[in-house]
Amino acid sequence: MRRVVLLSLWMSMARADVTADFDALEVERRAKAAIDMAGCPERTQWQHATLPNELEPGIPSAVYWLLSLFSAEDTAEIVTYLREHATFSTHPGSTDMQPEFASYIYTHGAVIEDAPWKNHIWMKLSELLASCVTPFVRQKFACATCVPCTSLVRRYRPKERKQIFAHRDAESKVTLVLELQPARPVGAAGGLYIMEGTEANRSFPALAAGDAFAHGHELLHGVYLACADRRLSGARAEECERLSLIVWYHEDRAQCVNGVDSRASEEMLIQSASKGVAEGLYAWAVTITTRYLKPERAQDASTAHAKEEIATAISMLERAALEQNHSNAAMQLANLYLDGISPALRPDPVRAERMLNLAADLGSDRAAKWRASAKGQQLQKALKHSTPLSKGYVGMLLLAVALVFLLRIRMAYAKLEKRGGKKGFVKKLKVEKDKDH
């Protein structure tokens, strides 16, 4: 019987290995395969690269460049038009809850009609998407029904927004980043970066104005303007500005119109988390909690289902942070414990500080920056207003000692009452006192 069980286990593991090997070969084959570029401008060339996928070890992630998708003249015209007409929202971004300095032009498969300039930009973009980009995305990402669903313009400047921490676009199947204006000097000034894993170094893909970069939902990426770290003014400050246009693709039009998150992304995260992969536990927990941090979903956090989901997410983050030394999971716990998710998760500044210290001990470069930011000030203020007993184990220990002391007094008093009652005890004391006199 034991041999049968072991053989069955070995066969299931072997099947999983074979499937992973096949998937890895398929990604490589599709990435290298020739593609018809007849619908693209003659100037446009494509390149690819494959990177390790931390969510699915052994199966690589493919990324693509569409070089000179827009001409230098067209790109300059778009940038000028945006400077003259566009307004950028300072609402908190879903990635880090910081002012996003973004303007959405297309969502749920339709142009946002609140400003004429958005329709103008989308008209220039949609033609190239239909003839060139969408056919490319459908073939290279094996998504025959993928459609552009959401598009926005982002602005990065010193003293506004200079970075977006590494994250995954869990709501979409494919992300296309069109570089409208790179910060200068190009390369040294920073911009879009990608990472092979949470502990890996940043890699900045070379992107000139008019180039596009496409990647799947599993890729860890962010933005960082290195030039914004220096004191700049006048013309030099203007050079340290980046404008990019993002297009998020969903699996099909129905999913896009109904505002449903990417199925492929969700399935990958669930599978990775179920295998106990630290990055999978972290990424899936972030996806769950982020849903309830959005203003439009705030009231949903009061349901029993939401409370169960949030509790599960906290458990996954603790497992990744405490058992597998995942520094980003510790940072996420620090954020969640500081702000809470009302009413499912109460703020707990003491736990927030412990998780922040853990993240720092695990080597997170975000911990020191977080502590020096407005979040750090918020934490210190919350700690000052917390009760003494919540500030550590000392208060809890003192309370326990006091309770034990009171209990022992009560037990001693009960024994005396049992022997002679309260009156007898008082009488005995009086007799002994008279003898002394």
Protein backbone atom coordinates (compact mmCIF):
# COMPACT_ATOMS: atom_id res chain seq x y z
CA MET A 1 0.00 0.00 0.00
CA ARG A 2 2.82 2.36 0.92
CA ARG A 3 4.49 1.69 -2.44
CA VAL A 4 1.26 2.56 -4.26
CA VAL A 5 0.92 5.87 -2.38
CA LEU A 6 4.55 6.79 -3.01
CA LEU A 7 4.24 5.85 -6.68
CA SER A 8 1.06 7.94 -7.02
CA LEU A 9 2.76 10.91 -5.35
CA TRP A 10 5.81 10.57 -7.58
CA MET A 11 3.63 10.38 -10.71
CA SER A 12 1.67 13.52 -9.75
CA MET A 13 4.91 15.40 -9.12
CA ALA A 14 6.30 14.15 -12.42
CA ARG A 15 3.15 15.30 -14.26
CA ALA A 16 3.48 18.74 -12.65
CA ASP A 17 7.13 18.94 -13.73
CA VAL A 18 6.27 17.88 -17.29
CA THR A 19 3.46 20.47 -17.46
CA ALA A 20 5.77 23.20 -16.17
CA ASP A 21 8.47 22.22 -18.67
CA PHE A 22 5.92 22.28 -21.50
CA ASP A 23 4.60 25.68 -20.43
CA ALA A 24 8.14 27.06 -20.23
CA LEU A 25 8.94 25.82 -23.73
CA GLU A 26 5.67 27.26 -25.05
CA VAL A 27 6.46 30.71 -23.61
CA GLU A 28 9.91 30.63 -25.23
CA ARG A 29 8.51 29.43 -28.57
CA ARG A 30 5.78 32.08 -28.66
CA ALA A 31 8.21 34.84 -27.67
CA LYS A 32 10.56 34.03 -30.55
CA ALA A 33 7.90 33.28 -33.18
CA ALA A 34 7.70 35.54 -36.23
CA ILE A 35 4.67 37.80 -36.43
CA ASP A 36 2.91 39.70 -39.19
CA MET A 37 3.57 43.42 -38.64
CA ALA A 38 1.70 44.58 -41.76
CA GLY A 39 -0.68 46.70 -39.70
CA CYS A 40 2.16 48.54 -37.96
CA PRO A 41 4.13 51.54 -39.24
CA GLU A 42 7.16 50.53 -41.32
CA ARG A 43 9.45 52.14 -38.76
CA THR A 44 8.17 49.89 -35.93
CA GLN A 45 10.37 46.96 -34.88
CA TRP A 46 9.81 44.49 -32.07
CA GLN A 47 12.15 42.82 -29.61
CA HIS A 48 11.62 40.42 -26.73
CA ALA A 49 13.22 39.11 -23.56
CA THR A 50 12.29 36.42 -21.03
CA LEU A 51 12.63 36.80 -17.27
CA PRO A 52 12.16 34.47 -14.29
CA ASN A 53 8.61 34.42 -12.96
CA GLU A 54 8.61 34.50 -9.15
CA LEU A 55 4.95 33.45 -8.99
CA GLU A 56 5.52 30.35 -11.12
CA PRO A 57 9.14 29.25 -10.70
CA GLY A 58 10.36 27.47 -13.81
CA ILE A 59 7.95 29.21 -16.20
CA PRO A 60 9.46 32.44 -17.61
CA SER A 61 7.72 35.74 -18.21
CA ALA A 62 8.02 37.32 -21.67
CA VAL A 63 8.27 41.08 -22.27
CA TYR A 64 8.25 42.96 -25.57
CA TRP A 65 9.39 46.26 -27.04
CA LEU A 66 7.55 47.92 -29.92
CA LEU A 67 10.21 50.40 -30.98
CA SER A 68 9.07 53.63 -32.70
CA LEU A 69 5.40 52.74 -32.42
CA PHE A 70 4.80 56.49 -32.65
CA SER A 71 7.06 58.80 -34.62
CA ALA A 72 9.02 61.51 -32.82
CA GLU A 73 6.78 64.14 -34.43
CA ASP A 74 3.53 62.44 -33.36
CA THR A 75 4.82 61.95 -29.83
CA ALA A 76 5.92 65.59 -29.54
CA GLU A 77 2.48 66.70 -30.77
CA ILE A 78 0.73 64.56 -28.14
CA VAL A 79 2.98 65.91 -25.36
CA THR A 80 2.32 69.51 -26.42
CA TYR A 81 -1.41 68.87 -26.56
CA LEU A 82 -1.38 67.30 -23.09
CA ARG A 83 0.53 70.26 -21.63
CA GLU A 84 -2.06 72.65 -23.02
CA HIS A 85 -5.24 70.76 -22.17
CA ALA A 86 -4.77 67.89 -19.72
CA THR A 87 -5.48 68.04 -16.00
CA PHE A 88 -4.04 65.46 -13.62
CA SER A 89 -5.93 64.06 -10.65
CA THR A 90 -4.33 63.96 -7.20
CA HIS A 91 -6.66 61.26 -5.91
CA PRO A 92 -4.88 58.40 -4.08
CA GLY A 93 -3.55 55.76 -6.46
CA SER A 94 -4.59 52.13 -5.98
CA THR A 95 -0.96 50.94 -5.83
CA ASP A 96 0.34 53.02 -2.91
CA MET A 97 -2.56 55.35 -1.94
CA GLN A 98 -0.39 58.40 -2.79
CA PRO A 99 -1.55 61.24 -5.11
CA GLU A 100 -1.41 59.62 -8.53
CA PHE A 101 -1.09 62.62 -10.90
CA ALA A 102 -2.92 60.70 -13.60
CA SER A 103 -5.75 61.34 -16.01
CA TYR A 104 -7.96 58.51 -17.26
CA ILE A 105 -9.05 58.86 -20.87
CA TYR A 106 -10.66 55.47 -21.54
CA THR A 107 -12.32 53.02 -19.16
CA HIS A 108 -14.65 50.01 -19.40
CA GLY A 109 -14.15 50.09 -23.16
CA ALA A 110 -15.34 53.68 -23.71
CA VAL A 111 -13.85 57.18 -23.87
CA ILE A 112 -14.46 59.33 -20.79
CA GLU A 113 -16.41 62.28 -22.17
CA ASP A 114 -15.69 64.82 -19.42
CA ALA A 115 -13.11 66.73 -21.51
CA PRO A 116 -12.71 67.11 -25.32
CA TRP A 117 -8.95 66.53 -25.20
CA LYS A 118 -9.44 62.90 -24.09
CA ASN A 119 -11.36 62.04 -27.24
CA HIS A 120 -8.64 63.71 -29.33
CA ILE A 121 -5.86 61.64 -27.71
CA TRP A 122 -7.83 58.40 -27.94
CA MET A 123 -8.54 58.93 -31.64
CA LYS A 124 -4.80 59.20 -32.32
CA LEU A 125 -4.09 56.12 -30.23
CA SER A 126 -6.98 53.80 -31.15
CA GLU A 127 -6.03 53.51 -34.83
CA LEU A 128 -2.59 52.11 -33.99
CA LEU A 129 -4.04 49.87 -31.30
CA ALA A 130 -6.53 48.33 -33.71
CA SER A 131 -4.13 47.80 -36.63
CA CYS A 132 -0.87 47.01 -34.85
CA VAL A 133 -0.83 46.61 -31.07
CA THR A 134 -3.93 44.49 -30.42
CA PRO A 135 -3.03 41.81 -33.04
CA PHE A 136 0.49 41.73 -31.55
CA VAL A 137 -0.84 41.37 -27.99
CA ARG A 138 -3.29 38.64 -28.96
CA GLN A 139 -0.59 36.50 -30.56
CA LYS A 140 2.30 37.07 -28.18
CA PHE A 141 0.24 36.71 -25.01
CA ALA A 142 -1.97 33.86 -26.31
CA CYS A 143 -5.15 35.85 -25.78
CA ALA A 144 -7.28 35.70 -28.93
CA THR A 145 -10.07 37.90 -27.53
CA CYS A 146 -8.01 40.49 -25.63
CA VAL A 147 -9.25 44.08 -25.96
CA PRO A 148 -7.94 47.46 -24.76
CA CYS A 149 -10.05 48.26 -21.72
CA THR A 150 -8.53 51.13 -19.75
CA SER A 151 -6.09 53.88 -20.67
CA LEU A 152 -4.57 56.74 -18.71
CA VAL A 153 -1.77 59.28 -18.84
CA ARG A 154 0.65 59.57 -15.90
CA ARG A 155 2.95 62.46 -15.04
CA TYR A 156 6.09 62.21 -12.89
CA ARG A 157 7.85 65.32 -11.56
CA PRO A 158 10.07 66.33 -8.65
CA LYS A 159 7.90 67.42 -5.68
CA GLU A 160 4.85 65.69 -7.23
CA ARG A 161 5.27 61.99 -7.85
CA LYS A 162 8.67 60.53 -8.52
CA GLN A 163 8.03 56.82 -8.06
CA ILE A 164 5.62 53.92 -7.91
CA PHE A 165 6.78 51.00 -5.80
CA ALA A 166 7.17 47.61 -7.46
CA HIS A 167 3.79 45.97 -8.08
CA ARG A 168 1.83 43.77 -10.47
CA ASP A 169 -1.14 44.82 -12.60
CA ALA A 170 -3.45 42.17 -11.21
CA GLU A 171 -6.58 43.72 -12.74
CA SER A 172 -5.42 43.30 -16.35
CA LYS A 173 -4.14 40.55 -18.62
CA VAL A 174 -1.55 42.67 -20.48
CA THR A 175 -0.10 46.13 -19.87
CA LEU A 176 1.21 48.41 -22.63
CA VAL A 177 3.35 51.40 -21.62
CA LEU A 178 3.86 54.08 -24.27
CA GLU A 179 6.77 56.39 -23.47
CA LEU A 180 5.64 59.90 -24.38
CA GLN A 181 8.42 61.89 -22.77
CA PRO A 182 11.29 60.19 -20.93
CA ALA A 183 13.05 62.07 -18.15
CA ARG A 184 16.44 63.41 -19.23
CA PRO A 185 19.19 62.49 -19.52
CA VAL A 186 17.57 59.34 -20.91
CA GLY A 187 18.80 56.26 -19.04
CA ALA A 188 20.49 58.02 -16.14
CA ALA A 189 17.33 59.88 -15.09
CA GLY A 190 15.34 56.70 -14.45
CA GLY A 191 11.81 55.78 -15.51
CA LEU A 192 10.01 52.46 -15.87
CA TYR A 193 11.80 49.56 -14.19
CA ILE A 194 11.19 45.81 -14.05
CA MET A 195 12.32 43.22 -11.49
CA GLU A 196 12.92 39.47 -11.68
CA GLY A 197 11.79 39.13 -8.05
CA THR A 198 11.14 41.10 -4.89
CA GLU A 199 14.76 40.83 -3.75
CA ALA A 200 16.24 41.47 -7.22
CA ASN A 201 17.76 44.70 -8.50
CA ARG A 202 15.80 47.09 -10.68
CA SER A 203 16.34 46.92 -14.42
CA PHE A 204 15.38 49.95 -16.54
CA PRO A 205 14.29 48.97 -20.09
CA ALA A 206 15.67 51.36 -22.70
CA LEU A 207 12.71 53.43 -23.94
CA ALA A 208 12.85 56.49 -26.18
CA ALA A 209 9.91 58.79 -26.91
CA GLY A 210 7.42 56.85 -29.06
CA ASP A 211 8.56 53.38 -27.92
CA ALA A 212 6.11 50.98 -26.25
CA PHE A 213 6.74 48.20 -23.74
CA ALA A 214 4.31 45.29 -23.24
CA HIS A 215 4.25 42.79 -20.37
CA GLY A 216 1.92 40.33 -18.67
CA HIS A 217 0.14 40.66 -15.33
CA GLU A 218 2.77 38.56 -13.55
CA LEU A 219 5.66 41.00 -14.10
CA LEU A 220 6.90 42.97 -11.11
CA HIS A 221 7.47 46.57 -12.20
CA GLY A 222 7.42 50.17 -11.03
CA VAL A 223 8.66 53.69 -11.77
CA TYR A 224 11.54 55.62 -10.25
CA LEU A 225 12.92 59.02 -11.27
CA ALA A 226 16.52 59.11 -10.08
CA CYS A 227 16.86 62.71 -11.24
CA ALA A 228 14.20 63.78 -8.70
CA ASP A 229 16.60 62.94 -5.86
CA ARG A 230 18.72 65.94 -6.77
CA ARG A 231 17.90 69.59 -6.13
CA LEU A 232 16.78 70.93 -9.48
CA SER A 233 15.30 74.22 -10.61
CA GLY A 234 14.32 75.99 -13.81
CA ALA A 235 15.13 74.20 -17.06
CA ARG A 236 16.84 71.31 -15.28
CA ALA A 237 13.70 70.61 -13.24
CA GLU A 238 11.65 70.56 -16.46
CA GLU A 239 14.01 67.94 -17.89
CA CYS A 240 13.28 65.70 -14.89
CA GLU A 241 9.71 65.07 -16.00
CA ARG A 242 8.24 61.90 -17.45
CA LEU A 243 4.96 61.43 -19.29
CA SER A 244 3.67 57.97 -20.15
CA LEU A 245 0.44 56.56 -21.54
CA ILE A 246 -0.74 53.18 -20.25
CA VAL A 247 -3.21 50.78 -21.85
CA TRP A 248 -4.55 47.81 -19.89
CA TYR A 249 -5.88 44.85 -21.87
CA HIS A 250 -8.57 42.49 -20.54
CA GLU A 251 -9.33 38.96 -21.75
CA ASP A 252 -12.55 39.93 -23.54
CA ARG A 253 -14.96 42.81 -23.99
CA ALA A 254 -17.58 41.48 -21.56
CA GLN A 255 -15.01 41.29 -18.77
CA CYS A 256 -13.89 44.82 -19.59
CA VAL A 257 -17.37 46.39 -19.72
CA ASN A 258 -18.42 44.71 -16.47
CA GLY A 259 -15.28 45.82 -14.64
CA VAL A 260 -14.17 42.28 -13.78
CA ASP A 261 -10.52 41.71 -12.84
CA SER A 262 -8.36 39.52 -15.05
CA ARG A 263 -9.23 35.83 -14.61
CA ALA A 264 -5.76 34.73 -15.68
CA SER A 265 -4.12 36.93 -13.07
CA GLU A 266 -6.42 35.75 -10.30
CA GLU A 267 -5.95 32.09 -11.21
CA MET A 268 -2.17 32.42 -11.23
CA LEU A 269 -2.13 34.17 -7.84
CA ILE A 270 -4.46 31.62 -6.24
CA GLN A 271 -2.44 28.71 -7.60
CA SER A 272 0.84 30.25 -6.45
CA ALA A 273 -0.54 31.01 -2.97
CA SER A 274 -2.00 27.49 -2.64
CA LYS A 275 1.49 26.08 -3.27
CA GLY A 276 2.83 28.18 -0.40
CA VAL A 277 5.06 30.31 -2.65
CA ALA A 278 5.96 33.38 -0.58
CA GLU A 279 5.46 35.81 -3.45
CA GLY A 280 2.13 34.17 -4.29
CA LEU A 281 0.91 34.50 -0.70
CA TYR A 282 1.95 38.15 -0.67
CA ALA A 283 0.57 39.07 -4.11
CA TRP A 284 -2.79 37.37 -3.60
CA ALA A 285 -3.20 38.95 -0.15
CA VAL A 286 -2.43 42.39 -1.59
CA THR A 287 -5.01 41.84 -4.33
CA ILE A 288 -7.68 40.93 -1.77
CA THR A 289 -7.02 43.81 0.63
CA THR A 290 -6.64 46.41 -2.15
CA ARG A 291 -10.20 45.69 -3.27
CA TYR A 292 -11.56 46.88 0.07
CA LEU A 293 -9.28 49.93 0.23
CA LYS A 294 -10.94 51.46 -2.82
CA PRO A 295 -13.49 54.16 -1.84
CA GLU A 296 -16.25 52.55 -3.91
CA ARG A 297 -15.77 49.23 -2.09
CA ALA A 298 -15.43 50.60 1.46
CA GLN A 299 -18.96 49.61 2.52
CA ASP A 300 -18.38 46.04 1.31
CA ALA A 301 -15.82 45.51 4.09
CA SER A 302 -18.65 45.18 6.63
CA THR A 303 -19.97 41.91 5.19
CA ALA A 304 -19.16 38.53 6.73
CA HIS A 305 -17.55 37.42 3.46
CA ALA A 306 -15.27 40.48 3.44
CA LYS A 307 -14.19 39.92 7.04
CA GLU A 308 -13.34 36.31 6.22
CA GLU A 309 -11.38 37.33 3.11
CA ILE A 310 -9.43 40.03 4.94
CA ALA A 311 -8.62 37.65 7.82
CA THR A 312 -7.34 35.12 5.27
CA ALA A 313 -5.23 37.81 3.59
CA ILE A 314 -3.68 38.83 6.93
CA SER A 315 -2.90 35.17 7.65
CA MET A 316 -1.20 34.77 4.25
CA LEU A 317 0.88 37.91 4.77
CA GLU A 318 1.96 36.74 8.23
CA ARG A 319 2.91 33.35 6.83
CA ALA A 320 5.02 34.96 4.10
CA ALA A 321 6.64 37.50 6.46
CA LEU A 322 7.18 35.42 9.60
CA GLU A 323 7.85 31.99 8.09
CA GLN A 324 9.50 32.88 4.77
CA ASN A 325 11.16 36.24 5.55
CA HIS A 326 9.26 38.15 2.87
CA SER A 327 10.03 41.82 3.55
CA ASN A 328 7.27 43.23 1.33
CA ALA A 329 4.69 41.14 3.19
CA ALA A 330 5.92 42.69 6.45
CA MET A 331 5.62 46.17 4.91
CA GLN A 332 2.08 45.43 3.73
CA LEU A 333 1.15 44.29 7.23
CA ALA A 334 2.59 47.53 8.64
CA ASN A 335 0.36 49.53 6.30
CA LEU A 336 -2.75 47.47 7.06
CA TYR A 337 -2.25 47.50 10.83
CA LEU A 338 -1.66 51.26 10.79
CA ASP A 339 -4.75 52.23 8.79
CA GLY A 340 -7.00 49.21 9.29
CA ILE A 341 -9.88 48.30 6.97
CA SER A 342 -13.03 49.45 8.73
CA PRO A 343 -14.84 47.60 10.17
CA ALA A 344 -13.16 44.28 9.32
CA LEU A 345 -9.68 45.14 10.62
CA ARG A 346 -9.07 47.56 13.47
CA PRO A 347 -5.95 49.78 13.41
CA ASP A 348 -3.18 48.44 15.65
CA PRO A 349 -0.16 50.80 15.69
CA VAL A 350 1.85 48.50 17.98
CA ARG A 351 1.64 45.63 15.50
CA ALA A 352 2.31 48.08 12.68
CA GLU A 353 5.58 49.10 14.34
CA ARG A 354 6.59 45.47 14.90
CA MET A 355 6.01 44.65 11.24
CA LEU A 356 7.92 47.75 10.16
CA ASN A 357 10.86 46.71 12.35
CA LEU A 358 10.68 43.19 10.90
CA ALA A 359 10.75 44.56 7.35
CA ALA A 360 13.84 46.63 8.21
CA ASP A 361 15.53 43.58 9.77
CA LEU A 362 14.80 41.63 6.57
CA GLY A 363 16.63 44.27 4.53
CA SER A 364 13.72 46.25 3.08
CA ASP A 365 14.86 49.61 1.68
CA ARG A 366 11.23 50.75 1.88
CA ALA A 367 11.13 50.56 5.69
CA ALA A 368 13.43 53.55 6.30
CA LYS A 369 11.69 55.63 3.60
CA TRP A 370 8.29 54.71 5.03
CA ARG A 371 9.37 55.70 8.54
CA ALA A 372 10.63 59.08 7.28
CA SER A 373 7.43 59.76 5.31
CA ALA A 374 3.99 60.98 6.37
CA LYS A 375 3.14 57.35 7.15
CA GLY A 376 5.94 57.22 9.70
CA GLN A 377 4.68 60.41 11.34
CA GLN A 378 1.18 58.94 11.41
CA LEU A 379 2.55 55.83 13.13
CA GLN A 380 4.40 57.80 15.82
CA LYS A 381 1.31 59.88 16.53
CA ALA A 382 -0.83 56.74 16.79
CA LEU A 383 1.66 55.12 19.17
CA LYS A 384 1.57 58.15 21.48
CA HIS A 385 -2.20 57.94 21.71
CA SER A 386 -2.29 54.18 22.23
CA THR A 387 -2.99 52.84 25.75
CA PRO A 388 -0.01 51.89 27.94
CA LEU A 389 -1.04 48.24 27.94
CA SER A 390 -0.89 48.14 24.16
CA LYS A 391 2.70 49.36 24.07
CA GLY A 392 4.23 45.97 24.77
CA TYR A 393 4.38 42.93 26.94
CA VAL A 394 5.44 44.83 30.10
CA GLY A 395 1.97 46.25 30.67
CA MET A 396 0.39 42.86 30.04
CA LEU A 397 2.80 41.23 32.49
CA LEU A 398 2.04 43.79 35.22
CA LEU A 399 -1.67 43.23 34.74
CA ALA A 400 -1.20 39.47 35.01
CA VAL A 401 0.85 39.85 38.23
CA ALA A 402 -1.82 42.11 39.74
CA LEU A 403 -4.57 39.62 38.90
CA VAL A 404 -2.60 36.73 40.42
CA PHE A 405 -1.97 38.78 43.59
CA LEU A 406 -5.66 39.62 43.97
CA LEU A 407 -6.60 36.00 43.35
CA ARG A 408 -4.24 34.77 46.07
CA ILE A 409 -5.65 37.28 48.56
CA ARG A 410 -9.15 36.10 47.71
CA MET A 411 -8.14 32.44 48.21
CA ALA A 412 -6.51 33.20 51.58
CA TYR A 413 -9.59 35.09 52.73
CA ALA A 414 -11.80 32.18 51.66
CA LYS A 415 -9.73 29.73 53.76
CA LEU A 416 -10.05 31.93 56.84
CA GLU A 417 -13.79 32.18 56.39
CA LYS A 418 -13.99 28.40 56.10
CA ARG A 419 -12.11 27.91 59.38
CA GLY A 420 -14.05 30.29 61.59
CA GLY A 421 -15.92 32.74 59.51
CA LYS A 422 -15.30 36.43 59.30
CA LYS A 423 -16.57 37.10 62.84
CA GLY A 424 -14.37 34.37 64.32
CA PHE A 425 -11.38 35.76 62.50
CA VAL A 426 -12.06 39.28 63.84
CA LYS A 427 -12.67 37.92 67.37
CA LYS A 428 -9.39 35.99 67.28
CA LEU A 429 -7.53 39.11 66.27
CA LYS A 430 -9.17 41.03 69.15
CA VAL A 431 -8.23 38.37 71.75
CA GLU A 432 -4.63 38.34 70.55
CA LYS A 433 -4.59 42.12 70.71
CA ASP A 434 -5.90 42.10 74.34
CA LYS A 435 -3.19 39.62 75.32
CA ASP A 436 -0.57 41.97 74.01
CA HIS A 437 -1.88 44.67 76.31
